[in-house]
Amino acid sequence: RVKGEVENLVQAVGFDHCTILRPAVLL
């Protein structure tokens, strides 16, 4: 939920480009 909320907040900031990476388990 927190990860989804922050994605929404960052997108709302209004960058020209916003890239969100959603990795699985980090090795």
mmCIF file of all heavy atoms, coordinates in Angstrom:
data_MODEL
# 
_entry.id   MODEL 
# 
loop_
_atom_site.group_PDB 
_atom_site.id 
_atom_site.type_symbol 
_atom_site.label_atom_id 
_atom_site.label_alt_id 
_atom_site.label_comp_id 
_atom_site.label_asym_id 
_atom_site.label_entity_id 
_atom_site.label_seq_id 
_atom_site.pdbx_PDB_ins_code 
_atom_site.Cartn_x 
_atom_site.Cartn_y 
_atom_site.Cartn_z 
_atom_site.occupancy 
_atom_site.B_iso_or_equiv 
_atom_site.pdbx_formal_charge 
_atom_site.auth_seq_id 
_atom_site.auth_comp_id 
_atom_site.auth_asym_id 
_atom_site.auth_atom_id 
_atom_site.pdbx_PDB_model_num 
ATOM 1   N N   . ARG A 1 1  ? 0.833  -1.202  0.000   1.00 0.00 ? 1  ARG A N   1 
ATOM 2   C CA  . ARG A 1 1  ? 0.000  0.000   0.000   1.00 0.00 ? 1  ARG A CA  1 
ATOM 3   C C   . ARG A 1 1  ? 0.876  1.264   0.000   1.00 0.00 ? 1  ARG A C   1 
ATOM 4   O O   . ARG A 1 1  ? 0.646  2.189   -0.790  1.00 0.00 ? 1  ARG A O   1 
ATOM 5   C CB  . ARG A 1 1  ? -0.945 0.012   1.196   1.00 0.00 ? 1  ARG A CB  1 
ATOM 6   C CG  . ARG A 1 1  ? -1.873 1.231   1.197   1.00 0.00 ? 1  ARG A CG  1 
ATOM 7   C CD  . ARG A 1 1  ? -2.909 1.202   2.306   1.00 0.00 ? 1  ARG A CD  1 
ATOM 8   N NE  . ARG A 1 1  ? -2.283 1.278   3.621   1.00 0.00 ? 1  ARG A NE  1 
ATOM 9   C CZ  . ARG A 1 1  ? -2.275 0.301   4.519   1.00 0.00 ? 1  ARG A CZ  1 
ATOM 10  N NH1 . ARG A 1 1  ? -2.848 -0.852  4.257   1.00 0.00 ? 1  ARG A NH1 1 
ATOM 11  N NH2 . ARG A 1 1  ? -1.709 0.468   5.683   1.00 0.00 ? 1  ARG A NH2 1 
ATOM 12  N N   . VAL A 1 2  ? 1.882  1.292   0.868   1.00 0.00 ? 2  VAL A N   1 
ATOM 13  C CA  . VAL A 1 2  ? 2.763  2.460   0.947   1.00 0.00 ? 2  VAL A CA  1 
ATOM 14  C C   . VAL A 1 2  ? 3.518  2.655   -0.366  1.00 0.00 ? 2  VAL A C   1 
ATOM 15  O O   . VAL A 1 2  ? 3.655  3.784   -0.860  1.00 0.00 ? 2  VAL A O   1 
ATOM 16  C CB  . VAL A 1 2  ? 3.731  2.335   2.146   1.00 0.00 ? 2  VAL A CB  1 
ATOM 17  C CG1 . VAL A 1 2  ? 4.853  3.365   2.075   1.00 0.00 ? 2  VAL A CG1 1 
ATOM 18  C CG2 . VAL A 1 2  ? 2.955  2.470   3.447   1.00 0.00 ? 2  VAL A CG2 1 
ATOM 19  N N   . LYS A 1 3  ? 3.991  1.566   -0.962  1.00 0.00 ? 3  LYS A N   1 
ATOM 20  C CA  . LYS A 1 3  ? 4.679  1.675   -2.252  1.00 0.00 ? 3  LYS A CA  1 
ATOM 21  C C   . LYS A 1 3  ? 3.735  2.218   -3.329  1.00 0.00 ? 3  LYS A C   1 
ATOM 22  O O   . LYS A 1 3  ? 4.132  3.052   -4.148  1.00 0.00 ? 3  LYS A O   1 
ATOM 23  C CB  . LYS A 1 3  ? 5.257  0.325   -2.672  1.00 0.00 ? 3  LYS A CB  1 
ATOM 24  C CG  . LYS A 1 3  ? 6.385  -0.166  -1.798  1.00 0.00 ? 3  LYS A CG  1 
ATOM 25  C CD  . LYS A 1 3  ? 7.576  0.762   -1.830  1.00 0.00 ? 3  LYS A CD  1 
ATOM 26  C CE  . LYS A 1 3  ? 8.750  0.185   -1.067  1.00 0.00 ? 3  LYS A CE  1 
ATOM 27  N NZ  . LYS A 1 3  ? 9.924  1.081   -1.109  1.00 0.00 ? 3  LYS A NZ  1 
ATOM 28  N N   . GLY A 1 4  ? 2.484  1.760   -3.330  1.00 0.00 ? 4  GLY A N   1 
ATOM 29  C CA  . GLY A 1 4  ? 1.506  2.285   -4.284  1.00 0.00 ? 4  GLY A CA  1 
ATOM 30  C C   . GLY A 1 4  ? 1.184  3.748   -4.028  1.00 0.00 ? 4  GLY A C   1 
ATOM 31  O O   . GLY A 1 4  ? 1.055  4.544   -4.963  1.00 0.00 ? 4  GLY A O   1 
ATOM 32  N N   . GLU A 1 5  ? 1.059  4.119   -2.768  1.00 0.00 ? 5  GLU A N   1 
ATOM 33  C CA  . GLU A 1 5  ? 0.781  5.517   -2.427  1.00 0.00 ? 5  GLU A CA  1 
ATOM 34  C C   . GLU A 1 5  ? 1.912  6.431   -2.878  1.00 0.00 ? 5  GLU A C   1 
ATOM 35  O O   . GLU A 1 5  ? 1.665  7.499   -3.454  1.00 0.00 ? 5  GLU A O   1 
ATOM 36  C CB  . GLU A 1 5  ? 0.575  5.657   -0.912  1.00 0.00 ? 5  GLU A CB  1 
ATOM 37  C CG  . GLU A 1 5  ? -0.711 5.057   -0.406  1.00 0.00 ? 5  GLU A CG  1 
ATOM 38  C CD  . GLU A 1 5  ? -0.816 4.999   1.103   1.00 0.00 ? 5  GLU A CD  1 
ATOM 39  O OE1 . GLU A 1 5  ? 0.163  5.356   1.815   1.00 0.00 ? 5  GLU A OE1 1 
ATOM 40  O OE2 . GLU A 1 5  ? -1.894 4.583   1.587   1.00 0.00 ? 5  GLU A OE2 1 
ATOM 41  N N   . VAL A 1 6  ? 3.152  6.017   -2.639  1.00 0.00 ? 6  VAL A N   1 
ATOM 42  C CA  . VAL A 1 6  ? 4.265  6.878   -3.027  1.00 0.00 ? 6  VAL A CA  1 
ATOM 43  C C   . VAL A 1 6  ? 4.385  6.971   -4.548  1.00 0.00 ? 6  VAL A C   1 
ATOM 44  O O   . VAL A 1 6  ? 4.733  8.026   -5.086  1.00 0.00 ? 6  VAL A O   1 
ATOM 45  C CB  . VAL A 1 6  ? 5.595  6.462   -2.359  1.00 0.00 ? 6  VAL A CB  1 
ATOM 46  C CG1 . VAL A 1 6  ? 6.215  5.236   -3.009  1.00 0.00 ? 6  VAL A CG1 1 
ATOM 47  C CG2 . VAL A 1 6  ? 6.575  7.626   -2.350  1.00 0.00 ? 6  VAL A CG2 1 
ATOM 48  N N   . GLU A 1 7  ? 4.079  5.899   -5.256  1.00 0.00 ? 7  GLU A N   1 
ATOM 49  C CA  . GLU A 1 7  ? 4.066  5.979   -6.722  1.00 0.00 ? 7  GLU A CA  1 
ATOM 50  C C   . GLU A 1 7  ? 3.086  7.057   -7.180  1.00 0.00 ? 7  GLU A C   1 
ATOM 51  O O   . GLU A 1 7  ? 3.399  7.869   -8.048  1.00 0.00 ? 7  GLU A O   1 
ATOM 52  C CB  . GLU A 1 7  ? 3.669  4.635   -7.328  1.00 0.00 ? 7  GLU A CB  1 
ATOM 53  C CG  . GLU A 1 7  ? 4.728  3.576   -7.275  1.00 0.00 ? 7  GLU A CG  1 
ATOM 54  C CD  . GLU A 1 7  ? 4.294  2.278   -7.956  1.00 0.00 ? 7  GLU A CD  1 
ATOM 55  O OE1 . GLU A 1 7  ? 3.227  2.251   -8.607  1.00 0.00 ? 7  GLU A OE1 1 
ATOM 56  O OE2 . GLU A 1 7  ? 5.038  1.280   -7.838  1.00 0.00 ? 7  GLU A OE2 1 
ATOM 57  N N   . ASN A 1 8  ? 1.894  7.062   -6.595  1.00 0.00 ? 8  ASN A N   1 
ATOM 58  C CA  . ASN A 1 8  ? 0.887  8.060   -6.956  1.00 0.00 ? 8  ASN A CA  1 
ATOM 59  C C   . ASN A 1 8  ? 1.347  9.473   -6.612  1.00 0.00 ? 8  ASN A C   1 
ATOM 60  O O   . ASN A 1 8  ? 1.158  10.408  -7.399  1.00 0.00 ? 8  ASN A O   1 
ATOM 61  C CB  . ASN A 1 8  ? -0.441 7.762   -6.257  1.00 0.00 ? 8  ASN A CB  1 
ATOM 62  C CG  . ASN A 1 8  ? -1.087 6.489   -6.762  1.00 0.00 ? 8  ASN A CG  1 
ATOM 63  O OD1 . ASN A 1 8  ? -0.765 5.980   -7.843  1.00 0.00 ? 8  ASN A OD1 1 
ATOM 64  N ND2 . ASN A 1 8  ? -1.995 5.936   -5.978  1.00 0.00 ? 8  ASN A ND2 1 
ATOM 65  N N   . LEU A 1 9  ? 1.949  9.638   -5.447  1.00 0.00 ? 9  LEU A N   1 
ATOM 66  C CA  . LEU A 1 9  ? 2.426  10.959  -5.025  1.00 0.00 ? 9  LEU A CA  1 
ATOM 67  C C   . LEU A 1 9  ? 3.531  11.466  -5.949  1.00 0.00 ? 9  LEU A C   1 
ATOM 68  O O   . LEU A 1 9  ? 3.528  12.641  -6.332  1.00 0.00 ? 9  LEU A O   1 
ATOM 69  C CB  . LEU A 1 9  ? 2.923  10.904  -3.578  1.00 0.00 ? 9  LEU A CB  1 
ATOM 70  C CG  . LEU A 1 9  ? 1.846  10.711  -2.514  1.00 0.00 ? 9  LEU A CG  1 
ATOM 71  C CD1 . LEU A 1 9  ? 2.480  10.382  -1.162  1.00 0.00 ? 9  LEU A CD1 1 
ATOM 72  C CD2 . LEU A 1 9  ? 0.964  11.951  -2.413  1.00 0.00 ? 9  LEU A CD2 1 
ATOM 73  N N   . VAL A 1 10 ? 4.450  10.611  -6.307  1.00 0.00 ? 10 VAL A N   1 
ATOM 74  C CA  . VAL A 1 10 ? 5.546  11.021  -7.185  1.00 0.00 ? 10 VAL A CA  1 
ATOM 75  C C   . VAL A 1 10 ? 5.014  11.375  -8.574  1.00 0.00 ? 10 VAL A C   1 
ATOM 76  O O   . VAL A 1 10 ? 5.430  12.380  -9.169  1.00 0.00 ? 10 VAL A O   1 
ATOM 77  C CB  . VAL A 1 10 ? 6.642  9.927   -7.250  1.00 0.00 ? 10 VAL A CB  1 
ATOM 78  C CG1 . VAL A 1 10 ? 7.631  10.189  -8.378  1.00 0.00 ? 10 VAL A CG1 1 
ATOM 79  C CG2 . VAL A 1 10 ? 7.370  9.830   -5.907  1.00 0.00 ? 10 VAL A CG2 1 
ATOM 80  N N   . GLN A 1 11 ? 4.090  10.591  -9.092  1.00 0.00 ? 11 GLN A N   1 
ATOM 81  C CA  . GLN A 1 11 ? 3.506  10.908  -10.398 1.00 0.00 ? 11 GLN A CA  1 
ATOM 82  C C   . GLN A 1 11 ? 2.793  12.259  -10.373 1.00 0.00 ? 11 GLN A C   1 
ATOM 83  O O   . GLN A 1 11 ? 2.836  13.006  -11.350 1.00 0.00 ? 11 GLN A O   1 
ATOM 84  C CB  . GLN A 1 11 ? 2.514  9.828   -10.814 1.00 0.00 ? 11 GLN A CB  1 
ATOM 85  C CG  . GLN A 1 11 ? 3.161  8.520   -11.195 1.00 0.00 ? 11 GLN A CG  1 
ATOM 86  C CD  . GLN A 1 11 ? 2.142  7.467   -11.546 1.00 0.00 ? 11 GLN A CD  1 
ATOM 87  O OE1 . GLN A 1 11 ? 1.323  7.668   -12.427 1.00 0.00 ? 11 GLN A OE1 1 
ATOM 88  N NE2 . GLN A 1 11 ? 2.200  6.332   -10.856 1.00 0.00 ? 11 GLN A NE2 1 
ATOM 89  N N   . ALA A 1 12 ? 2.159  12.587  -9.260  1.00 0.00 ? 12 ALA A N   1 
ATOM 90  C CA  . ALA A 1 12 ? 1.399  13.831  -9.142  1.00 0.00 ? 12 ALA A CA  1 
ATOM 91  C C   . ALA A 1 12 ? 2.291  15.069  -9.091  1.00 0.00 ? 12 ALA A C   1 
ATOM 92  O O   . ALA A 1 12 ? 1.805  16.183  -9.310  1.00 0.00 ? 12 ALA A O   1 
ATOM 93  C CB  . ALA A 1 12 ? 0.509  13.775  -7.898  1.00 0.00 ? 12 ALA A CB  1 
ATOM 94  N N   . VAL A 1 13 ? 3.575  14.893  -8.841  1.00 0.00 ? 13 VAL A N   1 
ATOM 95  C CA  . VAL A 1 13 ? 4.490  16.033  -8.761  1.00 0.00 ? 13 VAL A CA  1 
ATOM 96  C C   . VAL A 1 13 ? 4.592  16.741  -10.110 1.00 0.00 ? 13 VAL A C   1 
ATOM 97  O O   . VAL A 1 13 ? 4.769  17.954  -10.166 1.00 0.00 ? 13 VAL A O   1 
ATOM 98  C CB  . VAL A 1 13 ? 5.885  15.578  -8.243  1.00 0.00 ? 13 VAL A CB  1 
ATOM 99  C CG1 . VAL A 1 13 ? 6.920  16.673  -8.387  1.00 0.00 ? 13 VAL A CG1 1 
ATOM 100 C CG2 . VAL A 1 13 ? 5.775  15.135  -6.791  1.00 0.00 ? 13 VAL A CG2 1 
ATOM 101 N N   . GLY A 1 14 ? 4.471  16.008  -11.208 1.00 0.00 ? 14 GLY A N   1 
ATOM 102 C CA  . GLY A 1 14 ? 4.440  16.632  -12.525 1.00 0.00 ? 14 GLY A CA  1 
ATOM 103 C C   . GLY A 1 14 ? 5.768  16.695  -13.248 1.00 0.00 ? 14 GLY A C   1 
ATOM 104 O O   . GLY A 1 14 ? 6.049  17.664  -13.962 1.00 0.00 ? 14 GLY A O   1 
ATOM 105 N N   . PHE A 1 15 ? 6.591  15.672  -13.112 1.00 0.00 ? 15 PHE A N   1 
ATOM 106 C CA  . PHE A 1 15 ? 7.841  15.616  -13.869 1.00 0.00 ? 15 PHE A CA  1 
ATOM 107 C C   . PHE A 1 15 ? 7.542  15.460  -15.360 1.00 0.00 ? 15 PHE A C   1 
ATOM 108 O O   . PHE A 1 15 ? 6.508  14.907  -15.730 1.00 0.00 ? 15 PHE A O   1 
ATOM 109 C CB  . PHE A 1 15 ? 8.685  14.416  -13.401 1.00 0.00 ? 15 PHE A CB  1 
ATOM 110 C CG  . PHE A 1 15 ? 9.188  14.544  -11.998 1.00 0.00 ? 15 PHE A CG  1 
ATOM 111 C CD1 . PHE A 1 15 ? 8.557  13.897  -10.953 1.00 0.00 ? 15 PHE A CD1 1 
ATOM 112 C CD2 . PHE A 1 15 ? 10.300 15.328  -11.718 1.00 0.00 ? 15 PHE A CD2 1 
ATOM 113 C CE1 . PHE A 1 15 ? 9.019  14.014  -9.650  1.00 0.00 ? 15 PHE A CE1 1 
ATOM 114 C CE2 . PHE A 1 15 ? 10.769 15.453  -10.418 1.00 0.00 ? 15 PHE A CE2 1 
ATOM 115 C CZ  . PHE A 1 15 ? 10.124 14.798  -9.381  1.00 0.00 ? 15 PHE A CZ  1 
ATOM 116 N N   . ASP A 1 16 ? 8.463  15.904  -16.199 1.00 0.00 ? 16 ASP A N   1 
ATOM 117 C CA  . ASP A 1 16 ? 8.315  15.672  -17.637 1.00 0.00 ? 16 ASP A CA  1 
ATOM 118 C C   . ASP A 1 16 ? 8.285  14.167  -17.911 1.00 0.00 ? 16 ASP A C   1 
ATOM 119 O O   . ASP A 1 16 ? 7.526  13.708  -18.758 1.00 0.00 ? 16 ASP A O   1 
ATOM 120 C CB  . ASP A 1 16 ? 9.470  16.311  -18.417 1.00 0.00 ? 16 ASP A CB  1 
ATOM 121 C CG  . ASP A 1 16 ? 9.456  17.831  -18.359 1.00 0.00 ? 16 ASP A CG  1 
ATOM 122 O OD1 . ASP A 1 16 ? 8.472  18.418  -17.851 1.00 0.00 ? 16 ASP A OD1 1 
ATOM 123 O OD2 . ASP A 1 16 ? 10.440 18.440  -18.821 1.00 0.00 ? 16 ASP A OD2 1 
ATOM 124 N N   . HIS A 1 17 ? 9.136  13.436  -17.207 1.00 0.00 ? 17 HIS A N   1 
ATOM 125 C CA  . HIS A 1 17 ? 9.179  11.973  -17.297 1.00 0.00 ? 17 HIS A CA  1 
ATOM 126 C C   . HIS A 1 17 ? 9.300  11.400  -15.891 1.00 0.00 ? 17 HIS A C   1 
ATOM 127 O O   . HIS A 1 17 ? 10.058 11.916  -15.068 1.00 0.00 ? 17 HIS A O   1 
ATOM 128 C CB  . HIS A 1 17 ? 10.376 11.480  -18.126 1.00 0.00 ? 17 HIS A CB  1 
ATOM 129 C CG  . HIS A 1 17 ? 10.322 11.869  -19.559 1.00 0.00 ? 17 HIS A CG  1 
ATOM 130 N ND1 . HIS A 1 17 ? 9.518  11.237  -20.468 1.00 0.00 ? 17 HIS A ND1 1 
ATOM 131 C CD2 . HIS A 1 17 ? 10.984 12.829  -20.242 1.00 0.00 ? 17 HIS A CD2 1 
ATOM 132 C CE1 . HIS A 1 17 ? 9.677  11.792  -21.647 1.00 0.00 ? 17 HIS A CE1 1 
ATOM 133 N NE2 . HIS A 1 17 ? 10.552 12.767  -21.538 1.00 0.00 ? 17 HIS A NE2 1 
ATOM 134 N N   . CYS A 1 18 ? 8.563  10.351  -15.646 1.00 0.00 ? 18 CYS A N   1 
ATOM 135 C CA  . CYS A 1 18 ? 8.643  9.646   -14.375 1.00 0.00 ? 18 CYS A CA  1 
ATOM 136 C C   . CYS A 1 18 ? 8.698  8.155   -14.703 1.00 0.00 ? 18 CYS A C   1 
ATOM 137 O O   . CYS A 1 18 ? 7.803  7.633   -15.374 1.00 0.00 ? 18 CYS A O   1 
ATOM 138 C CB  . CYS A 1 18 ? 7.422  9.953   -13.506 1.00 0.00 ? 18 CYS A CB  1 
ATOM 139 S SG  . CYS A 1 18 ? 7.405  9.064   -11.942 1.00 0.00 ? 18 CYS A SG  1 
ATOM 140 N N   . THR A 1 19 ? 9.758  7.509   -14.262 1.00 0.00 ? 19 THR A N   1 
ATOM 141 C CA  . THR A 1 19 ? 9.891  6.078   -14.484 1.00 0.00 ? 19 THR A CA  1 
ATOM 142 C C   . THR A 1 19 ? 9.834  5.383   -13.132 1.00 0.00 ? 19 THR A C   1 
ATOM 143 O O   . THR A 1 19 ? 10.546 5.767   -12.206 1.00 0.00 ? 19 THR A O   1 
ATOM 144 C CB  . THR A 1 19 ? 11.218 5.729   -15.189 1.00 0.00 ? 19 THR A CB  1 
ATOM 145 O OG1 . THR A 1 19 ? 11.306 6.479   -16.403 1.00 0.00 ? 19 THR A OG1 1 
ATOM 146 C CG2 . THR A 1 19 ? 11.292 4.243   -15.498 1.00 0.00 ? 19 THR A CG2 1 
ATOM 147 N N   . ILE A 1 20 ? 8.977  4.393   -13.030 1.00 0.00 ? 20 ILE A N   1 
ATOM 148 C CA  . ILE A 1 20 ? 8.812  3.628   -11.804 1.00 0.00 ? 20 ILE A CA  1 
ATOM 149 C C   . ILE A 1 20 ? 9.239  2.201   -12.091 1.00 0.00 ? 20 ILE A C   1 
ATOM 150 O O   . ILE A 1 20 ? 8.720  1.572   -13.009 1.00 0.00 ? 20 ILE A O   1 
ATOM 151 C CB  . ILE A 1 20 ? 7.353  3.678   -11.317 1.00 0.00 ? 20 ILE A CB  1 
ATOM 152 C CG1 . ILE A 1 20 ? 6.967  5.127   -10.993 1.00 0.00 ? 20 ILE A CG1 1 
ATOM 153 C CG2 . ILE A 1 20 ? 7.154  2.762   -10.112 1.00 0.00 ? 20 ILE A CG2 1 
ATOM 154 C CD1 . ILE A 1 20 ? 5.483  5.332   -10.754 1.00 0.00 ? 20 ILE A CD1 1 
ATOM 155 N N   . LEU A 1 21 ? 10.184 1.726   -11.314 1.00 0.00 ? 21 LEU A N   1 
ATOM 156 C CA  . LEU A 1 21 ? 10.643 0.341   -11.448 1.00 0.00 ? 21 LEU A CA  1 
ATOM 157 C C   . LEU A 1 21 ? 10.035 -0.467  -10.320 1.00 0.00 ? 21 LEU A C   1 
ATOM 158 O O   . LEU A 1 21 ? 10.090 -0.057  -9.162  1.00 0.00 ? 21 LEU A O   1 
ATOM 159 C CB  . LEU A 1 21 ? 12.165 0.265   -11.398 1.00 0.00 ? 21 LEU A CB  1 
ATOM 160 C CG  . LEU A 1 21 ? 12.868 0.805   -12.646 1.00 0.00 ? 21 LEU A CG  1 
ATOM 161 C CD1 . LEU A 1 21 ? 13.109 2.290   -12.504 1.00 0.00 ? 21 LEU A CD1 1 
ATOM 162 C CD2 . LEU A 1 21 ? 14.166 0.080   -12.865 1.00 0.00 ? 21 LEU A CD2 1 
ATOM 163 N N   . ARG A 1 22 ? 9.462  -1.605  -10.667 1.00 0.00 ? 22 ARG A N   1 
ATOM 164 C CA  . ARG A 1 22 ? 8.834  -2.499  -9.694  1.00 0.00 ? 22 ARG A CA  1 
ATOM 165 C C   . ARG A 1 22 ? 9.554  -3.847  -9.685  1.00 0.00 ? 22 ARG A C   1 
ATOM 166 O O   . ARG A 1 22 ? 9.047  -4.840  -10.206 1.00 0.00 ? 22 ARG A O   1 
ATOM 167 C CB  . ARG A 1 22 ? 7.362  -2.698  -10.038 1.00 0.00 ? 22 ARG A CB  1 
ATOM 168 C CG  . ARG A 1 22 ? 6.514  -1.474  -9.842  1.00 0.00 ? 22 ARG A CG  1 
ATOM 169 C CD  . ARG A 1 22 ? 5.076  -1.804  -10.152 1.00 0.00 ? 22 ARG A CD  1 
ATOM 170 N NE  . ARG A 1 22 ? 4.196  -0.671  -9.931  1.00 0.00 ? 22 ARG A NE  1 
ATOM 171 C CZ  . ARG A 1 22 ? 2.974  -0.595  -10.405 1.00 0.00 ? 22 ARG A CZ  1 
ATOM 172 N NH1 . ARG A 1 22 ? 2.478  -1.597  -11.133 1.00 0.00 ? 22 ARG A NH1 1 
ATOM 173 N NH2 . ARG A 1 22 ? 2.231  0.461   -10.158 1.00 0.00 ? 22 ARG A NH2 1 
ATOM 174 N N   . PRO A 1 23 ? 10.722 -3.881  -9.070  1.00 0.00 ? 23 PRO A N   1 
ATOM 175 C CA  . PRO A 1 23 ? 11.453 -5.158  -9.031  1.00 0.00 ? 23 PRO A CA  1 
ATOM 176 C C   . PRO A 1 23 ? 10.798 -6.149  -8.081  1.00 0.00 ? 23 PRO A C   1 
ATOM 177 O O   . PRO A 1 23 ? 10.107 -5.769  -7.132  1.00 0.00 ? 23 PRO A O   1 
ATOM 178 C CB  . PRO A 1 23 ? 12.834 -4.743  -8.519  1.00 0.00 ? 23 PRO A CB  1 
ATOM 179 C CG  . PRO A 1 23 ? 12.578 -3.525  -7.699  1.00 0.00 ? 23 PRO A CG  1 
ATOM 180 C CD  . PRO A 1 23 ? 11.432 -2.809  -8.392  1.00 0.00 ? 23 PRO A CD  1 
ATOM 181 N N   . ALA A 1 24 ? 11.061 -7.418  -8.339  1.00 0.00 ? 24 ALA A N   1 
ATOM 182 C CA  . ALA A 1 24 ? 10.652 -8.488  -7.416  1.00 0.00 ? 24 ALA A CA  1 
ATOM 183 C C   . ALA A 1 24 ? 11.706 -8.535  -6.311  1.00 0.00 ? 24 ALA A C   1 
ATOM 184 O O   . ALA A 1 24 ? 12.295 -7.514  -5.977  1.00 0.00 ? 24 ALA A O   1 
ATOM 185 C CB  . ALA A 1 24 ? 10.534 -9.797  -8.174  1.00 0.00 ? 24 ALA A CB  1 
ATOM 186 N N   . VAL A 1 25 ? 11.974 -9.698  -5.753  1.00 0.00 ? 25 VAL A N   1 
ATOM 187 C CA  . VAL A 1 25 ? 12.952 -9.826  -4.675  1.00 0.00 ? 25 VAL A CA  1 
ATOM 188 C C   . VAL A 1 25 ? 14.318 -9.367  -5.185  1.00 0.00 ? 25 VAL A C   1 
ATOM 189 O O   . VAL A 1 25 ? 14.798 -9.836  -6.211  1.00 0.00 ? 25 VAL A O   1 
ATOM 190 C CB  . VAL A 1 25 ? 13.028 -11.284 -4.174  1.00 0.00 ? 25 VAL A CB  1 
ATOM 191 C CG1 . VAL A 1 25 ? 14.155 -11.452 -3.168  1.00 0.00 ? 25 VAL A CG1 1 
ATOM 192 C CG2 . VAL A 1 25 ? 11.699 -11.695 -3.560  1.00 0.00 ? 25 VAL A CG2 1 
ATOM 193 N N   . LEU A 1 26 ? 14.919 -8.436  -4.455  1.00 0.00 ? 26 LEU A N   1 
ATOM 194 C CA  . LEU A 1 26 ? 16.232 -7.922  -4.821  1.00 0.00 ? 26 LEU A CA  1 
ATOM 195 C C   . LEU A 1 26 ? 17.316 -8.870  -4.325  1.00 0.00 ? 26 LEU A C   1 
ATOM 196 O O   . LEU A 1 26 ? 17.351 -9.216  -3.146  1.00 0.00 ? 26 LEU A O   1 
ATOM 197 C CB  . LEU A 1 26 ? 16.446 -6.536  -4.204  1.00 0.00 ? 26 LEU A CB  1 
ATOM 198 C CG  . LEU A 1 26 ? 15.535 -5.435  -4.724  1.00 0.00 ? 26 LEU A CG  1 
ATOM 199 C CD1 . LEU A 1 26 ? 15.697 -4.181  -3.875  1.00 0.00 ? 26 LEU A CD1 1 
ATOM 200 C CD2 . LEU A 1 26 ? 15.806 -5.145  -6.184  1.00 0.00 ? 26 LEU A CD2 1 
ATOM 201 N N   . LEU A 1 27 ? 18.162 -9.285  -5.237  1.00 0.00 ? 27 LEU A N   1 
ATOM 202 C CA  . LEU A 1 27 ? 19.277 -10.161 -4.884  1.00 0.00 ? 27 LEU A CA  1 
ATOM 203 C C   . LEU A 1 27 ? 20.507 -9.292  -4.633  1.00 0.00 ? 27 LEU A C   1 
ATOM 204 O O   . LEU A 1 27 ? 20.981 -8.608  -5.539  1.00 0.00 ? 27 LEU A O   1 
ATOM 205 C CB  . LEU A 1 27 ? 19.549 -11.157 -6.001  1.00 0.00 ? 27 LEU A CB  1 
ATOM 206 C CG  . LEU A 1 27 ? 18.397 -12.104 -6.345  1.00 0.00 ? 27 LEU A CG  1 
ATOM 207 C CD1 . LEU A 1 27 ? 18.758 -12.975 -7.535  1.00 0.00 ? 27 LEU A CD1 1 
ATOM 208 C CD2 . LEU A 1 27 ? 18.007 -12.948 -5.144  1.00 0.00 ? 27 LEU A CD2 1 
# 
